[in-house]
N, C-alpha and C. Protein backbone atom coordinates (compact mmCIF):
# COMPACT_ATOMS: atom_id res chain seq x y z
N MET A 1 -35.29 52.30 8.02
CA MET A 1 -35.95 51.01 8.17
C MET A 1 -35.93 50.07 6.94
N LYS A 2 -35.79 50.57 5.64
CA LYS A 2 -35.92 49.96 4.53
C LYS A 2 -34.21 49.26 4.35
N LYS A 3 -33.43 49.94 4.95
CA LYS A 3 -32.10 49.61 5.02
C LYS A 3 -31.80 48.40 5.71
N ILE A 4 -32.44 48.42 6.92
CA ILE A 4 -32.56 47.34 7.85
C ILE A 4 -33.05 45.88 7.38
N ILE A 5 -34.08 46.07 6.91
CA ILE A 5 -34.64 44.78 6.36
C ILE A 5 -34.14 44.57 4.98
N LEU A 6 -33.45 45.11 4.36
CA LEU A 6 -32.71 44.77 3.11
C LEU A 6 -31.47 44.34 3.82
N SER A 7 -30.81 44.57 4.98
CA SER A 7 -29.66 44.22 5.28
C SER A 7 -30.01 42.68 6.05
N LEU A 8 -31.10 42.68 6.53
CA LEU A 8 -31.27 41.20 7.43
C LEU A 8 -31.86 40.22 6.38
N ALA A 9 -32.38 40.86 5.24
CA ALA A 9 -32.61 39.61 4.20
C ALA A 9 -31.33 39.31 3.45
N PHE A 10 -30.44 40.31 3.35
CA PHE A 10 -29.20 39.77 2.76
C PHE A 10 -28.27 38.88 3.71
N ILE A 11 -28.43 39.29 4.87
CA ILE A 11 -27.70 38.10 5.92
C ILE A 11 -28.56 36.85 5.88
N ALA A 12 -29.61 37.01 5.79
CA ALA A 12 -30.47 35.52 5.69
C ALA A 12 -29.87 34.48 4.57
N VAL A 13 -29.78 35.35 3.24
CA VAL A 13 -29.35 34.74 2.05
C VAL A 13 -27.98 34.20 2.31
N LEU A 14 -27.13 34.77 2.88
CA LEU A 14 -25.69 34.84 3.13
C LEU A 14 -25.68 33.36 4.18
N ILE A 15 -26.46 33.34 5.19
CA ILE A 15 -26.46 32.13 6.09
C ILE A 15 -27.14 30.94 5.36
N SER A 16 -28.02 31.26 4.55
CA SER A 16 -28.67 29.94 3.92
C SER A 16 -27.59 29.31 2.94
N CYS A 17 -26.95 30.26 2.05
CA CYS A 17 -25.82 29.72 1.25
C CYS A 17 -24.65 29.07 2.06
N GLN A 18 -24.45 29.46 3.08
CA GLN A 18 -23.61 28.85 4.14
C GLN A 18 -23.78 27.41 4.30
N ASP A 19 -24.96 27.14 4.77
CA ASP A 19 -25.37 25.76 5.00
C ASP A 19 -25.33 24.96 3.79
N LYS A 20 -25.57 25.30 2.59
CA LYS A 20 -25.39 24.65 1.30
C LYS A 20 -23.99 24.41 1.11
N THR A 21 -23.27 25.69 1.17
CA THR A 21 -21.80 25.31 0.89
C THR A 21 -20.96 24.48 2.02
N LYS A 22 -21.57 24.26 3.22
CA LYS A 22 -20.85 23.40 4.40
C LYS A 22 -21.22 22.07 3.93
N GLU A 23 -22.43 22.00 3.35
CA GLU A 23 -22.82 20.67 2.88
C GLU A 23 -22.00 19.97 1.54
N LYS A 24 -21.98 20.76 0.91
CA LYS A 24 -21.01 20.76 -0.24
C LYS A 24 -19.52 20.20 0.08
N LEU A 25 -19.00 21.29 1.00
CA LEU A 25 -17.60 20.97 1.53
C LEU A 25 -17.41 19.58 2.28
N ASN A 26 -18.45 19.15 3.19
CA ASN A 26 -18.59 17.80 3.82
C ASN A 26 -18.80 16.76 2.66
N GLU A 27 -19.48 17.05 1.61
CA GLU A 27 -19.45 15.75 0.80
C GLU A 27 -18.14 15.74 -0.03
N ALA A 28 -17.51 16.85 -0.51
CA ALA A 28 -16.25 16.58 -1.19
C ALA A 28 -15.15 16.21 0.03
N LYS A 29 -15.16 16.63 1.06
CA LYS A 29 -14.38 15.90 2.12
C LYS A 29 -14.49 14.51 2.09
N ASP A 30 -15.79 14.24 2.34
CA ASP A 30 -16.17 12.57 2.19
C ASP A 30 -15.48 11.84 0.98
N ALA A 31 -15.75 12.41 -0.03
CA ALA A 31 -15.50 11.87 -1.44
C ALA A 31 -13.59 11.79 -1.34
N VAL A 32 -13.05 12.69 -1.01
CA VAL A 32 -11.68 12.96 -0.97
C VAL A 32 -10.98 11.67 0.02
N THR A 33 -11.67 11.70 1.28
CA THR A 33 -11.31 10.54 2.38
C THR A 33 -11.53 9.40 1.54
N GLU A 34 -12.62 9.00 1.04
CA GLU A 34 -12.71 7.58 0.48
C GLU A 34 -11.88 7.06 -0.64
N GLU A 35 -11.64 8.13 -1.62
CA GLU A 35 -10.47 8.20 -2.54
C GLU A 35 -9.09 7.94 -2.04
N VAL A 36 -8.75 8.59 -0.95
CA VAL A 36 -7.57 8.23 -0.52
C VAL A 36 -7.52 7.02 0.24
N LYS A 37 -8.64 6.51 0.90
CA LYS A 37 -8.43 5.29 1.44
C LYS A 37 -8.41 4.03 0.36
N GLU A 38 -9.07 4.39 -0.78
CA GLU A 38 -8.99 3.43 -1.97
C GLU A 38 -7.49 3.44 -2.40
N THR A 39 -6.73 4.47 -2.52
CA THR A 39 -5.57 4.70 -2.87
C THR A 39 -4.45 4.00 -1.82
N ILE A 40 -5.06 3.96 -0.78
CA ILE A 40 -3.67 3.33 0.32
C ILE A 40 -4.05 1.82 0.22
N ASP A 41 -5.15 1.57 0.35
CA ASP A 41 -5.50 0.07 0.20
C ASP A 41 -4.93 -0.50 -1.08
N SER A 42 -5.07 0.03 -2.50
CA SER A 42 -4.53 -0.29 -3.61
C SER A 42 -2.99 -0.47 -3.36
N ALA A 43 -2.35 0.74 -2.64
CA ALA A 43 -0.83 0.75 -2.48
C ALA A 43 -0.49 -0.62 -1.60
N LYS A 44 -1.37 -0.84 -0.55
CA LYS A 44 -1.05 -1.97 0.22
C LYS A 44 -1.05 -3.38 -0.55
N LEU A 45 -1.95 -3.35 -1.39
CA LEU A 45 -2.04 -4.52 -2.20
C LEU A 45 -0.95 -4.78 -3.07
N LYS A 46 -0.57 -3.83 -3.98
CA LYS A 46 0.71 -3.84 -4.66
C LYS A 46 1.92 -4.19 -3.68
N ALA A 47 2.30 -3.36 -2.69
CA ALA A 47 3.38 -3.54 -2.05
C ALA A 47 3.57 -5.15 -1.31
N LYS A 48 2.36 -5.62 -1.05
CA LYS A 48 2.17 -6.98 -0.39
C LYS A 48 2.29 -7.98 -1.78
N ALA A 49 2.10 -7.55 -2.79
CA ALA A 49 2.20 -8.59 -4.02
C ALA A 49 3.70 -8.59 -4.28
N LYS A 50 4.40 -7.62 -4.20
CA LYS A 50 5.84 -7.16 -4.70
C LYS A 50 6.72 -7.94 -3.28
N LEU A 51 6.39 -7.96 -2.01
CA LEU A 51 6.88 -8.41 -1.19
C LEU A 51 6.76 -9.97 -1.16
N ASP A 52 5.59 -10.48 -1.64
CA ASP A 52 5.30 -11.95 -1.82
C ASP A 52 6.19 -12.28 -2.99
N SER A 53 6.06 -11.80 -4.10
CA SER A 53 7.11 -12.38 -5.07
C SER A 53 8.46 -12.15 -4.80
N ALA A 54 8.88 -10.99 -3.81
CA ALA A 54 10.40 -11.21 -3.49
C ALA A 54 10.69 -12.30 -2.49
N LYS A 55 9.75 -12.44 -1.82
CA LYS A 55 10.00 -13.77 -0.96
C LYS A 55 10.16 -15.03 -1.74
N VAL A 56 9.26 -15.50 -2.64
CA VAL A 56 9.48 -16.38 -3.14
C VAL A 56 10.78 -16.47 -4.10
N LYS A 57 11.14 -15.34 -4.64
CA LYS A 57 12.45 -15.45 -5.31
C LYS A 57 13.42 -15.59 -4.36
N ALA A 58 13.40 -15.11 -3.44
CA ALA A 58 14.43 -15.36 -2.21
C ALA A 58 14.48 -16.78 -2.02
N GLU A 59 13.57 -17.32 -1.72
CA GLU A 59 13.55 -18.91 -1.05
C GLU A 59 13.64 -19.70 -2.54
N ALA A 60 13.43 -19.33 -3.51
CA ALA A 60 14.18 -20.12 -4.76
C ALA A 60 15.60 -20.12 -4.72
N LYS A 61 16.25 -19.04 -4.44
CA LYS A 61 17.63 -18.84 -4.60
C LYS A 61 18.33 -19.52 -3.45
N VAL A 62 17.58 -19.51 -2.26
CA VAL A 62 18.29 -20.23 -1.00
C VAL A 62 18.05 -21.54 -1.14
N ASP A 63 16.89 -21.99 -2.02
CA ASP A 63 16.84 -23.64 -2.26
C ASP A 63 17.89 -24.08 -3.31
N SER A 64 18.23 -23.23 -4.20
CA SER A 64 19.27 -23.29 -5.24
C SER A 64 20.59 -23.58 -4.57
N VAL A 65 20.88 -22.51 -3.87
CA VAL A 65 22.23 -22.56 -2.93
C VAL A 65 22.20 -23.96 -2.24
N LYS A 66 21.13 -24.45 -1.59
CA LYS A 66 21.20 -25.42 -0.90
C LYS A 66 21.60 -26.69 -1.76
N ILE A 67 20.97 -26.73 -2.85
CA ILE A 67 20.99 -28.09 -3.64
C ILE A 67 22.64 -27.79 -4.23
N LYS A 68 23.17 -26.58 -4.70
CA LYS A 68 24.23 -26.71 -5.04
C LYS A 68 25.36 -26.95 -4.04
N SER A 69 25.07 -26.61 -2.59
CA SER A 69 26.19 -26.87 -1.65
C SER A 69 26.11 -28.73 -1.34
N ALA A 70 24.91 -29.00 -1.29
CA ALA A 70 24.69 -30.52 -1.14
C ALA A 70 25.65 -31.21 -2.34
N GLU A 71 25.36 -30.68 -3.58
CA GLU A 71 26.24 -31.60 -4.58
C GLU A 71 27.62 -31.20 -4.06
N LYS A 72 28.34 -30.32 -3.79
CA LYS A 72 29.66 -30.18 -3.41
C LYS A 72 29.99 -30.88 -2.41
N MET A 73 29.32 -30.81 -1.44
CA MET A 73 29.48 -31.77 -0.18
C MET A 73 29.56 -33.30 -0.62
N GLU A 74 28.77 -33.80 -1.45
CA GLU A 74 28.66 -34.83 -2.04
C GLU A 74 30.19 -35.19 -2.57
N ALA A 75 30.56 -34.26 -3.74
CA ALA A 75 31.53 -34.46 -4.40
C ALA A 75 32.93 -34.66 -3.57
N ALA A 76 32.79 -33.53 -2.44
CA ALA A 76 34.11 -33.47 -1.47
C ALA A 76 33.91 -35.08 -0.68
N ALA A 77 32.89 -35.36 -0.26
CA ALA A 77 32.77 -36.77 0.34
C ALA A 77 33.25 -37.99 -0.48
N LYS A 78 32.90 -37.88 -1.92
CA LYS A 78 33.65 -38.99 -2.48
C LYS A 78 35.11 -38.71 -2.89
N LYS A 79 35.68 -37.56 -2.95
CA LYS A 79 37.00 -37.36 -3.12
C LYS A 79 37.52 -37.79 -1.72
N LEU A 80 37.14 -37.56 -0.85
CA LEU A 80 37.63 -37.85 0.66
C LEU A 80 37.51 -39.53 0.81
N LYS A 81 36.43 -40.13 0.31
CA LYS A 81 36.57 -41.74 0.20
C LYS A 81 37.62 -42.31 -0.57
N GLU A 82 37.60 -41.73 -1.77
CA GLU A 82 38.78 -42.32 -2.57
C GLU A 82 40.10 -42.07 -2.35
N SER A 83 40.48 -40.90 -1.70
CA SER A 83 41.64 -40.74 -0.84
C SER A 83 42.13 -41.79 0.28
N VAL A 84 41.05 -42.11 0.80
CA VAL A 84 41.15 -42.76 2.11
C VAL A 84 41.40 -44.31 1.46
N LYS A 85 40.85 -44.58 0.51
CA LYS A 85 41.14 -46.01 -0.24
C LYS A 85 42.50 -46.09 -0.72
N LYS A 86 42.97 -45.09 -1.05
CA LYS A 86 44.25 -45.34 -1.62
C LYS A 86 45.19 -45.47 -0.54
């Protein structure tokens, strides 16, 4: 009889500890989930900033090429006019 009561008491202690452990595990899981979400958001912001920077650089290069090609077209047009006048 004594062994049965002690066994039941031991099982009760284990069950109560399991509830606390489950709560701690849930808290840890929530903390990790939040940290992962923050990391993902941070990575998204960094990637967006880099993409925006690359886009600006690409647009600047395109504008530069447009200006250079316009200048060359003007020079070619001037040469053509001069050759027609002669």
